[in-house]
Amino acid sequence: MNTSTTNQIAVNGITVSYEVAGSGPWLILSHSLGCSKTMWQPQFAELAKSYRVLAYDTRGHGASSAPPGPYTLDLLAQDVHELCLALGITKCHFVGLSMGGMIGQTVALNYPDLLLSLTLADTSSAYGPAALPFWLGRAQTALSQGMAALVAPSLERWFTAPFRAAQAALMVQAGQWLLDTPAVGYAACCLAIAPLDTTARLPQITVPVLVIVGAEDAATPPAAAELIHAQIPGSRLLKLPSAAHLSSVEQPAAFNRALREFLQNAPD
């Protein structure tokens, strides 16, 4: 993100760190749990050729504030809405991956007039009660053992084994995303996304929607993407081969190509 400017702004009771570059229609990038806006490096400069791109650190992550929980998806979506109000953004394209996609769904449902289009990558619309112990466990691990204990298992979920083996330097960088995430913020976001259940409301989303999923994503598998696609009339679904959970990082060229094609046909 070398051509961008880094900023901080007070919104919704916290300080949000964000970067902006380019010109044109606004496009917001929302990252995965345990990452930061840096996750979007493979997309940022490319998209900034045609859009005014804003990548931000979610509450509890990166250089944004990490107050104690509880957080909710409604609160994280409100952060986006308040950020847009503060920056004078009245319409935008929104691209969210994993937790960012959950925030994107909530923004679309709570603030439908804000979005021009919505891209939901490697995300889900519901976890169900059976997943609660998993999220409680990850939150407890972060708080009791620190973020270092989550690096290895997270990298295994984020990327396919061949990619991890071939991209040692990138694995160090991705691990650092986790290490730089405040444990209290990570834990609060785990508990915010655990009760996710937007499936029945997804037909209310009327803007153009692109659903992307890594074919080898075990964290939010293709079946979750297929369900979202089935629930949103007119949505598009793309499965990226040789990609796991962070498909935008593992297959950036294919991800960017699909996103660009979709956005070119979306309203400005």
C-alpha atoms as a PDB file:
ATOM      1  CA  MET A   1       0.000   0.000   0.000  1.00  0.00           C
ATOM      2  CA  ASN A   2       2.909   2.318  -0.726  1.00  0.00           C
ATOM      3  CA  THR A   3       0.836   4.845  -2.687  1.00  0.00           C
ATOM      4  CA  SER A   4      -1.807   5.201   0.038  1.00  0.00           C
ATOM      5  CA  THR A   5      -2.109   7.528   2.982  1.00  0.00           C
ATOM      6  CA  THR A   6      -2.564   6.132   6.483  1.00  0.00           C
ATOM      7  CA  ASN A   7      -5.057   7.872   8.736  1.00  0.00           C
ATOM      8  CA  GLN A   8      -6.797   7.538  12.059  1.00  0.00           C
ATOM      9  CA  ILE A   9     -10.238   8.864  12.882  1.00  0.00           C
ATOM     10  CA  ALA A  10     -12.466   8.787  15.947  1.00  0.00           C
ATOM     11  CA  VAL A  11     -15.808   7.117  15.205  1.00  0.00           C
ATOM     12  CA  ASN A  12     -18.364   5.246  17.294  1.00  0.00           C
ATOM     13  CA  GLY A  13     -16.329   5.571  20.478  1.00  0.00           C
ATOM     14  CA  ILE A  14     -13.089   4.153  19.044  1.00  0.00           C
ATOM     15  CA  THR A  15     -10.174   5.168  16.843  1.00  0.00           C
ATOM     16  CA  VAL A  16     -10.208   3.493  13.425  1.00  0.00           C
ATOM     17  CA  SER A  17      -7.022   3.151  11.388  1.00  0.00           C
ATOM     18  CA  TYR A  18      -7.533   3.203   7.630  1.00  0.00           C
ATOM     19  CA  GLU A  19      -5.724   3.730   4.340  1.00  0.00           C
ATOM     20  CA  VAL A  20      -7.052   5.402   1.212  1.00  0.00           C
ATOM     21  CA  ALA A  21      -5.734   5.485  -2.343  1.00  0.00           C
ATOM     22  CA  GLY A  22      -7.032   6.042  -5.862  1.00  0.00           C
ATOM     23  CA  SER A  23      -9.991   7.938  -7.251  1.00  0.00           C
ATOM     24  CA  GLY A  24     -13.448   7.048  -8.472  1.00  0.00           C
ATOM     25  CA  PRO A  25     -16.326   5.299  -6.706  1.00  0.00           C
ATOM     26  CA  TRP A  26     -15.619   4.333  -3.107  1.00  0.00           C
ATOM     27  CA  LEU A  27     -14.659   0.712  -2.435  1.00  0.00           C
ATOM     28  CA  ILE A  28     -14.214  -0.569   1.130  1.00  0.00           C
ATOM     29  CA  LEU A  29     -12.109  -3.624   2.021  1.00  0.00           C
ATOM     30  CA  SER A  30     -12.878  -5.490   5.272  1.00  0.00           C
ATOM     31  CA  HIS A  31     -10.391  -8.109   6.463  1.00  0.00           C
ATOM     32  CA  SER A  32     -10.537 -11.510   8.135  1.00  0.00           C
ATOM     33  CA  LEU A  33     -10.363 -12.328  11.838  1.00  0.00           C
ATOM     34  CA  GLY A  34      -6.784 -12.150  13.099  1.00  0.00           C
ATOM     35  CA  CYS A  35      -5.597 -10.040  10.162  1.00  0.00           C
ATOM     36  CA  SER A  36      -5.495  -6.323   9.384  1.00  0.00           C
ATOM     37  CA  LYS A  37      -5.880  -4.029   6.400  1.00  0.00           C
ATOM     38  CA  THR A  38      -2.420  -5.230   5.331  1.00  0.00           C
ATOM     39  CA  MET A  39      -4.109  -8.478   4.232  1.00  0.00           C
ATOM     40  CA  TRP A  40      -5.414  -6.591   1.198  1.00  0.00           C
ATOM     41  CA  GLN A  41      -2.002  -5.707  -0.256  1.00  0.00           C
ATOM     42  CA  PRO A  42      -2.557  -7.982  -3.306  1.00  0.00           C
ATOM     43  CA  GLN A  43      -5.758  -6.057  -4.142  1.00  0.00           C
ATOM     44  CA  PHE A  44      -5.177  -2.518  -2.916  1.00  0.00           C
ATOM     45  CA  ALA A  45      -3.008  -0.958  -5.633  1.00  0.00           C
ATOM     46  CA  GLU A  46      -4.794  -2.821  -8.422  1.00  0.00           C
ATOM     47  CA  LEU A  47      -8.232  -1.637  -7.328  1.00  0.00           C
ATOM     48  CA  ALA A  48      -6.966   1.893  -6.707  1.00  0.00           C
ATOM     49  CA  LYS A  49      -6.460   2.254 -10.468  1.00  0.00           C
ATOM     50  CA  SER A  50     -10.242   2.525 -10.877  1.00  0.00           C
ATOM     51  CA  TYR A  51     -11.696   3.141  -7.407  1.00  0.00           C
ATOM     52  CA  ARG A  52     -11.148   5.209  -4.303  1.00  0.00           C
ATOM     53  CA  VAL A  53     -10.150   2.316  -2.094  1.00  0.00           C
ATOM     54  CA  LEU A  54     -10.448   2.372   1.683  1.00  0.00           C
ATOM     55  CA  ALA A  55      -8.964  -0.492   3.713  1.00  0.00           C
ATOM     56  CA  TYR A  56      -9.545  -0.287   7.446  1.00  0.00           C
ATOM     57  CA  ASP A  57      -8.607  -2.175  10.607  1.00  0.00           C
ATOM     58  CA  THR A  58     -11.665  -3.675  12.280  1.00  0.00           C
ATOM     59  CA  ARG A  59     -12.289  -2.838  15.930  1.00  0.00           C
ATOM     60  CA  GLY A  60      -9.918  -4.986  18.008  1.00  0.00           C
ATOM     61  CA  HIS A  61      -7.417  -5.441  15.164  1.00  0.00           C
ATOM     62  CA  GLY A  62      -4.336  -3.780  13.687  1.00  0.00           C
ATOM     63  CA  ALA A  63      -3.892  -0.142  14.653  1.00  0.00           C
ATOM     64  CA  SER A  64      -7.566   0.441  15.496  1.00  0.00           C
ATOM     65  CA  SER A  65      -8.761   0.569  19.103  1.00  0.00           C
ATOM     66  CA  ALA A  66      -9.204  -2.728  20.938  1.00  0.00           C
ATOM     67  CA  PRO A  67     -11.556  -1.964  23.835  1.00  0.00           C
ATOM     68  CA  PRO A  68     -12.799  -4.832  26.007  1.00  0.00           C
ATOM     69  CA  GLY A  69     -15.854  -6.683  24.696  1.00  0.00           C
ATOM     70  CA  PRO A  70     -18.548  -7.520  24.214  1.00  0.00           C
ATOM     71  CA  TYR A  71     -18.611  -6.777  20.491  1.00  0.00           C
ATOM     72  CA  THR A  72     -21.440  -7.745  18.144  1.00  0.00           C
ATOM     73  CA  LEU A  73     -21.699  -7.885  14.370  1.00  0.00           C
ATOM     74  CA  ASP A  74     -24.213  -5.039  14.619  1.00  0.00           C
ATOM     75  CA  LEU A  75     -21.553  -2.987  16.423  1.00  0.00           C
ATOM     76  CA  LEU A  76     -18.877  -3.831  13.845  1.00  0.00           C
ATOM     77  CA  ALA A  77     -21.286  -2.853  11.056  1.00  0.00           C
ATOM     78  CA  GLN A  78     -22.092   0.358  12.908  1.00  0.00           C
ATOM     79  CA  ASP A  79     -18.363   1.127  12.956  1.00  0.00           C
ATOM     80  CA  VAL A  80     -18.391   0.924   9.152  1.00  0.00           C
ATOM     81  CA  HIS A  81     -21.462   3.133   8.884  1.00  0.00           C
ATOM     82  CA  GLU A  82     -20.016   5.742  11.243  1.00  0.00           C
ATOM     83  CA  LEU A  83     -16.690   5.654   9.388  1.00  0.00           C
ATOM     84  CA  CYS A  84     -18.535   6.329   6.141  1.00  0.00           C
ATOM     85  CA  LEU A  85     -20.465   9.206   7.697  1.00  0.00           C
ATOM     86  CA  ALA A  86     -17.256  10.741   9.030  1.00  0.00           C
ATOM     87  CA  LEU A  87     -15.559  10.501   5.631  1.00  0.00           C
ATOM     88  CA  GLY A  88     -18.565  11.687   3.641  1.00  0.00           C
ATOM     89  CA  ILE A  89     -19.093   8.321   1.939  1.00  0.00           C
ATOM     90  CA  THR A  90     -22.734   8.036   0.886  1.00  0.00           C
ATOM     91  CA  LYS A  91     -22.373   5.063  -1.490  1.00  0.00           C
ATOM     92  CA  CYS A  92     -19.701   2.391  -1.747  1.00  0.00           C
ATOM     93  CA  HIS A  93     -18.789  -1.041  -3.008  1.00  0.00           C
ATOM     94  CA  PHE A  94     -17.971  -3.353  -0.093  1.00  0.00           C
ATOM     95  CA  VAL A  95     -15.608  -6.329  -0.215  1.00  0.00           C
ATOM     96  CA  GLY A  96     -15.346  -8.495   2.906  1.00  0.00           C
ATOM     97  CA  LEU A  97     -13.527 -11.753   3.532  1.00  0.00           C
ATOM     98  CA  SER A  98     -14.441 -14.148   6.361  1.00  0.00           C
ATOM     99  CA  MET A  99     -15.298 -11.884   9.320  1.00  0.00           C
ATOM    100  CA  GLY A 100     -15.268  -9.017   6.832  1.00  0.00           C
ATOM    101  CA  GLY A 101     -17.934 -10.825   4.838  1.00  0.00           C
ATOM    102  CA  MET A 102     -20.035 -11.248   7.966  1.00  0.00           C
ATOM    103  CA  ILE A 103     -19.695  -7.530   8.618  1.00  0.00           C
ATOM    104  CA  GLY A 104     -20.612  -6.897   4.978  1.00  0.00           C
ATOM    105  CA  GLN A 105     -23.797  -8.929   5.254  1.00  0.00           C
ATOM    106  CA  THR A 106     -24.740  -6.995   8.385  1.00  0.00           C
ATOM    107  CA  VAL A 107     -23.995  -3.641   6.743  1.00  0.00           C
ATOM    108  CA  ALA A 108     -26.160  -4.632   3.764  1.00  0.00           C
ATOM    109  CA  LEU A 109     -29.028  -5.607   6.047  1.00  0.00           C
ATOM    110  CA  ASN A 110     -28.766  -2.734   8.535  1.00  0.00           C
ATOM    111  CA  TYR A 111     -27.756   0.078   6.146  1.00  0.00           C
ATOM    112  CA  PRO A 112     -29.060  -1.018   2.732  1.00  0.00           C
ATOM    113  CA  ASP A 113     -28.821   2.441   1.169  1.00  0.00           C
ATOM    114  CA  LEU A 114     -25.042   2.587   1.729  1.00  0.00           C
ATOM    115  CA  LEU A 115     -23.968  -0.152  -0.670  1.00  0.00           C
ATOM    116  CA  LEU A 116     -23.571  -0.177  -4.443  1.00  0.00           C
ATOM    117  CA  SER A 117     -22.450  -3.812  -4.451  1.00  0.00           C
ATOM    118  CA  LEU A 118     -21.308  -6.486  -2.036  1.00  0.00           C
ATOM    119  CA  THR A 119     -18.562  -9.087  -2.424  1.00  0.00           C
ATOM    120  CA  LEU A 120     -18.589 -11.892   0.150  1.00  0.00           C
ATOM    121  CA  ALA A 121     -15.425 -13.974   0.135  1.00  0.00           C
ATOM    122  CA  ASP A 122     -14.737 -17.117   2.168  1.00  0.00           C
ATOM    123  CA  THR A 123     -17.466 -16.391   4.665  1.00  0.00           C
ATOM    124  CA  SER A 124     -20.597 -17.875   6.186  1.00  0.00           C
ATOM    125  CA  SER A 125     -24.129 -16.795   7.025  1.00  0.00           C
ATOM    126  CA  ALA A 126     -24.537 -19.037  10.098  1.00  0.00           C
ATOM    127  CA  TYR A 127     -22.480 -21.214  12.421  1.00  0.00           C
ATOM    128  CA  GLY A 128     -25.091 -22.810  14.656  1.00  0.00           C
ATOM    129  CA  PRO A 129     -24.903 -23.675  18.369  1.00  0.00           C
ATOM    130  CA  ALA A 130     -22.478 -26.539  17.779  1.00  0.00           C
ATOM    131  CA  ALA A 131     -19.756 -24.069  16.807  1.00  0.00           C
ATOM    132  CA  LEU A 132     -19.950 -22.055  20.028  1.00  0.00           C
ATOM    133  CA  PRO A 133     -17.428 -24.197  21.974  1.00  0.00           C
ATOM    134  CA  PHE A 134     -14.934 -23.759  19.124  1.00  0.00           C
ATOM    135  CA  TRP A 135     -15.194 -19.962  19.252  1.00  0.00           C
ATOM    136  CA  LEU A 136     -15.116 -19.904  23.042  1.00  0.00           C
ATOM    137  CA  GLY A 137     -11.996 -22.045  22.909  1.00  0.00           C
ATOM    138  CA  ARG A 138     -10.220 -19.762  20.458  1.00  0.00           C
ATOM    139  CA  ALA A 139     -11.111 -16.702  22.527  1.00  0.00           C
ATOM    140  CA  GLN A 140      -9.831 -18.400  25.690  1.00  0.00           C
ATOM    141  CA  THR A 141      -6.612 -19.468  23.973  1.00  0.00           C
ATOM    142  CA  ALA A 142      -5.921 -15.897  22.892  1.00  0.00           C
ATOM    143  CA  LEU A 143      -6.535 -14.526  26.373  1.00  0.00           C
ATOM    144  CA  SER A 144      -4.735 -17.230  28.353  1.00  0.00           C
ATOM    145  CA  GLN A 145      -1.882 -18.285  26.065  1.00  0.00           C
ATOM    146  CA  GLY A 146      -1.432 -15.267  23.805  1.00  0.00           C
ATOM    147  CA  MET A 147      -1.710 -14.913  20.058  1.00  0.00           C
ATOM    148  CA  ALA A 148       1.420 -16.973  19.342  1.00  0.00           C
ATOM    149  CA  ALA A 149      -0.534 -20.118  20.234  1.00  0.00           C
ATOM    150  CA  LEU A 150      -2.930 -19.415  17.352  1.00  0.00           C
ATOM    151  CA  VAL A 151      -0.383 -18.862  14.585  1.00  0.00           C
ATOM    152  CA  ALA A 152       0.228 -22.447  13.442  1.00  0.00           C
ATOM    153  CA  PRO A 153      -3.404 -23.636  13.459  1.00  0.00           C
ATOM    154  CA  SER A 154      -4.556 -20.431  11.773  1.00  0.00           C
ATOM    155  CA  LEU A 155      -2.023 -20.707   8.955  1.00  0.00           C
ATOM    156  CA  GLU A 156      -3.171 -24.288   8.363  1.00  0.00           C
ATOM    157  CA  ARG A 157      -6.749 -23.055   7.933  1.00  0.00           C
ATOM    158  CA  TRP A 158      -5.830 -19.987   5.915  1.00  0.00           C
ATOM    159  CA  PHE A 159      -3.686 -21.607   3.211  1.00  0.00           C
ATOM    160  CA  THR A 160      -3.299 -24.931   1.430  1.00  0.00           C
ATOM    161  CA  ALA A 161      -0.298 -27.088   2.358  1.00  0.00           C
ATOM    162  CA  PRO A 162       1.499 -26.611  -1.003  1.00  0.00           C
ATOM    163  CA  PHE A 163       1.138 -22.836  -0.726  1.00  0.00           C
ATOM    164  CA  ARG A 164       2.476 -22.811   2.833  1.00  0.00           C
ATOM    165  CA  ALA A 165       5.476 -24.868   1.744  1.00  0.00           C
ATOM    166  CA  ALA A 166       6.253 -22.624  -1.226  1.00  0.00           C
ATOM    167  CA  GLN A 167       5.694 -19.266   0.469  1.00  0.00           C
ATOM    168  CA  ALA A 168       7.825 -19.280   3.611  1.00  0.00           C
ATOM    169  CA  ALA A 169       8.307 -15.511   3.731  1.00  0.00           C
ATOM    170  CA  LEU A 170       4.595 -14.871   3.295  1.00  0.00           C
ATOM    171  CA  MET A 171       3.841 -17.348   6.090  1.00  0.00           C
ATOM    172  CA  VAL A 172       6.038 -15.289   8.408  1.00  0.00           C
ATOM    173  CA  GLN A 173       4.174 -12.157   7.373  1.00  0.00           C
ATOM    174  CA  ALA A 174       0.760 -13.778   7.819  1.00  0.00           C
ATOM    175  CA  GLY A 175       1.793 -15.086  11.214  1.00  0.00           C
ATOM    176  CA  GLN A 176       2.761 -11.545  12.148  1.00  0.00           C
ATOM    177  CA  TRP A 177      -0.770 -10.381  11.333  1.00  0.00           C
ATOM    178  CA  LEU A 178      -1.957 -12.613  14.157  1.00  0.00           C
ATOM    179  CA  LEU A 179       0.826 -11.601  16.519  1.00  0.00           C
ATOM    180  CA  ASP A 180      -0.039  -7.947  15.942  1.00  0.00           C
ATOM    181  CA  THR A 181      -3.710  -8.538  16.790  1.00  0.00           C
ATOM    182  CA  PRO A 182      -4.550  -7.592  20.399  1.00  0.00           C
ATOM    183  CA  ALA A 183      -5.693 -10.713  22.243  1.00  0.00           C
ATOM    184  CA  VAL A 184      -8.613  -8.861  23.829  1.00  0.00           C
ATOM    185  CA  GLY A 185      -9.815  -7.660  20.426  1.00  0.00           C
ATOM    186  CA  TYR A 186      -9.406 -11.075  18.830  1.00  0.00           C
ATOM    187  CA  ALA A 187     -11.340 -12.747  21.640  1.00  0.00           C
ATOM    188  CA  ALA A 188     -14.128 -10.169  21.489  1.00  0.00           C
ATOM    189  CA  CYS A 189     -14.466 -10.634  17.720  1.00  0.00           C
ATOM    190  CA  CYS A 190     -14.563 -14.436  18.125  1.00  0.00           C
ATOM    191  CA  LEU A 191     -17.564 -14.033  20.406  1.00  0.00           C
ATOM    192  CA  ALA A 192     -19.131 -11.436  18.088  1.00  0.00           C
ATOM    193  CA  ILE A 193     -19.186 -13.765  15.094  1.00  0.00           C
ATOM    194  CA  ALA A 194     -20.073 -16.958  17.005  1.00  0.00           C
ATOM    195  CA  PRO A 195     -23.867 -16.301  16.980  1.00  0.00           C
ATOM    196  CA  LEU A 196     -23.866 -15.344  13.282  1.00  0.00           C
ATOM    197  CA  ASP A 197     -27.234 -16.165  11.698  1.00  0.00           C
ATOM    198  CA  THR A 198     -28.149 -14.035   8.702  1.00  0.00           C
ATOM    199  CA  THR A 199     -29.250 -16.829   6.352  1.00  0.00           C
ATOM    200  CA  ALA A 200     -32.997 -16.213   6.528  1.00  0.00           C
ATOM    201  CA  ARG A 201     -32.513 -12.460   5.979  1.00  0.00           C
ATOM    202  CA  LEU A 202     -30.194 -12.685   2.978  1.00  0.00           C
ATOM    203  CA  PRO A 203     -33.018 -12.442   0.404  1.00  0.00           C
ATOM    204  CA  GLN A 204     -33.474  -8.852   1.638  1.00  0.00           C
ATOM    205  CA  ILE A 205     -30.152  -7.892   0.005  1.00  0.00           C
ATOM    206  CA  THR A 206     -30.942  -6.319  -3.353  1.00  0.00           C
ATOM    207  CA  VAL A 207     -27.583  -4.909  -4.521  1.00  0.00           C
ATOM    208  CA  PRO A 208     -25.400  -6.975  -6.875  1.00  0.00           C
ATOM    209  CA  VAL A 209     -23.550  -9.672  -4.915  1.00  0.00           C
ATOM    210  CA  LEU A 210     -20.471 -11.728  -5.769  1.00  0.00           C
ATOM    211  CA  VAL A 211     -19.724 -14.767  -3.603  1.00  0.00           C
ATOM    212  CA  ILE A 212     -16.165 -16.118  -3.759  1.00  0.00           C
ATOM    213  CA  VAL A 213     -14.785 -19.171  -1.977  1.00  0.00           C
ATOM    214  CA  GLY A 214     -11.567 -21.136  -2.086  1.00  0.00           C
ATOM    215  CA  ALA A 215     -12.309 -24.651  -3.285  1.00  0.00           C
ATOM    216  CA  GLU A 216     -10.225 -25.994  -0.395  1.00  0.00           C
ATOM    217  CA  ASP A 217     -11.546 -23.651   2.287  1.00  0.00           C
ATOM    218  CA  ALA A 218     -12.226 -25.788   5.363  1.00  0.00           C
ATOM    219  CA  ALA A 219     -12.988 -22.841   7.658  1.00  0.00           C
ATOM    220  CA  THR A 220     -15.965 -21.529   5.669  1.00  0.00           C
ATOM    221  CA  PRO A 221     -16.359 -24.303   3.097  1.00  0.00           C
ATOM    222  CA  PRO A 222     -17.893 -24.079  -0.373  1.00  0.00           C
ATOM    223  CA  ALA A 223     -21.188 -25.344   1.035  1.00  0.00           C
ATOM    224  CA  ALA A 224     -21.459 -22.140   3.096  1.00  0.00           C
ATOM    225  CA  ALA A 225     -20.853 -20.052  -0.032  1.00  0.00           C
ATOM    226  CA  GLU A 226     -23.405 -22.091  -1.969  1.00  0.00           C
ATOM    227  CA  LEU A 227     -25.991 -21.402   0.738  1.00  0.00           C
ATOM    228  CA  ILE A 228     -25.341 -17.658   0.592  1.00  0.00           C
ATOM    229  CA  HIS A 229     -25.546 -17.747  -3.203  1.00  0.00           C
ATOM    230  CA  ALA A 230     -28.845 -19.646  -3.060  1.00  0.00           C
ATOM    231  CA  GLN A 231     -30.322 -17.139  -0.608  1.00  0.00           C
ATOM    232  CA  ILE A 232     -29.435 -13.953  -2.500  1.00  0.00           C
ATOM    233  CA  PRO A 233     -31.370 -13.630  -5.767  1.00  0.00           C
ATOM    234  CA  GLY A 234     -29.167 -12.848  -8.744  1.00  0.00           C
ATOM    235  CA  SER A 235     -25.883 -13.347  -6.902  1.00  0.00           C
ATOM    236  CA  ARG A 236     -22.835 -14.819  -8.609  1.00  0.00           C
ATOM    237  CA  LEU A 237     -20.754 -17.670  -7.175  1.00  0.00           C
ATOM    238  CA  LEU A 238     -17.098 -18.359  -7.944  1.00  0.00           C
ATOM    239  CA  LYS A 239     -14.992 -21.198  -6.524  1.00  0.00           C
ATOM    240  CA  LEU A 240     -11.254 -20.607  -6.787  1.00  0.00           C
ATOM    241  CA  PRO A 241      -9.154 -23.754  -7.292  1.00  0.00           C
ATOM    242  CA  SER A 242      -6.030 -24.285  -5.193  1.00  0.00           C
ATOM    243  CA  ALA A 243      -7.143 -21.842  -2.517  1.00  0.00           C
ATOM    244  CA  ALA A 244      -8.121 -22.234   1.113  1.00  0.00           C
ATOM    245  CA  HIS A 245      -9.566 -19.593   3.467  1.00  0.00           C
ATOM    246  CA  LEU A 246      -7.587 -16.484   2.500  1.00  0.00           C
ATOM    247  CA  SER A 247      -8.275 -16.908  -1.206  1.00  0.00           C
ATOM    248  CA  SER A 248      -7.475 -13.259  -1.925  1.00  0.00           C
ATOM    249  CA  VAL A 249      -3.915 -13.887  -0.724  1.00  0.00           C
ATOM    250  CA  GLU A 250      -3.411 -17.393  -2.106  1.00  0.00           C
ATOM    251  CA  GLN A 251      -4.884 -16.740  -5.567  1.00  0.00           C
ATOM    252  CA  PRO A 252      -4.649 -12.945  -5.961  1.00  0.00           C
ATOM    253  CA  ALA A 253      -4.676 -12.847  -9.772  1.00  0.00           C
ATOM    254  CA  ALA A 254      -7.843 -14.947 -10.077  1.00  0.00           C
ATOM    255  CA  PHE A 255      -9.471 -13.107  -7.160  1.00  0.00           C
ATOM    256  CA  ASN A 256      -8.665  -9.694  -8.634  1.00  0.00           C
ATOM    257  CA  ARG A 257      -9.829 -10.683 -12.096  1.00  0.00           C
ATOM    258  CA  ALA A 258     -13.188 -11.913 -10.802  1.00  0.00           C
ATOM    259  CA  LEU A 259     -13.658  -8.883  -8.589  1.00  0.00           C
ATOM    260  CA  ARG A 260     -12.799  -6.446 -11.374  1.00  0.00           C
ATOM    261  CA  GLU A 261     -15.188  -8.101 -13.815  1.00  0.00           C
ATOM    262  CA  PHE A 262     -17.964  -8.035 -11.233  1.00  0.00           C
ATOM    263  CA  LEU A 263     -17.392  -4.405 -10.279  1.00  0.00           C
ATOM    264  CA  GLN A 264     -17.293  -3.249 -13.896  1.00  0.00           C
ATOM    265  CA  ASN A 265     -20.885  -4.467 -14.257  1.00  0.00           C
ATOM    266  CA  ALA A 266     -22.088  -3.048 -10.919  1.00  0.00           C
ATOM    267  CA  PRO A 267     -23.633   0.413 -10.599  1.00  0.00           C
ATOM    268  CA  ASP A 268     -21.431   3.397  -9.713  1.00  0.00           C
END
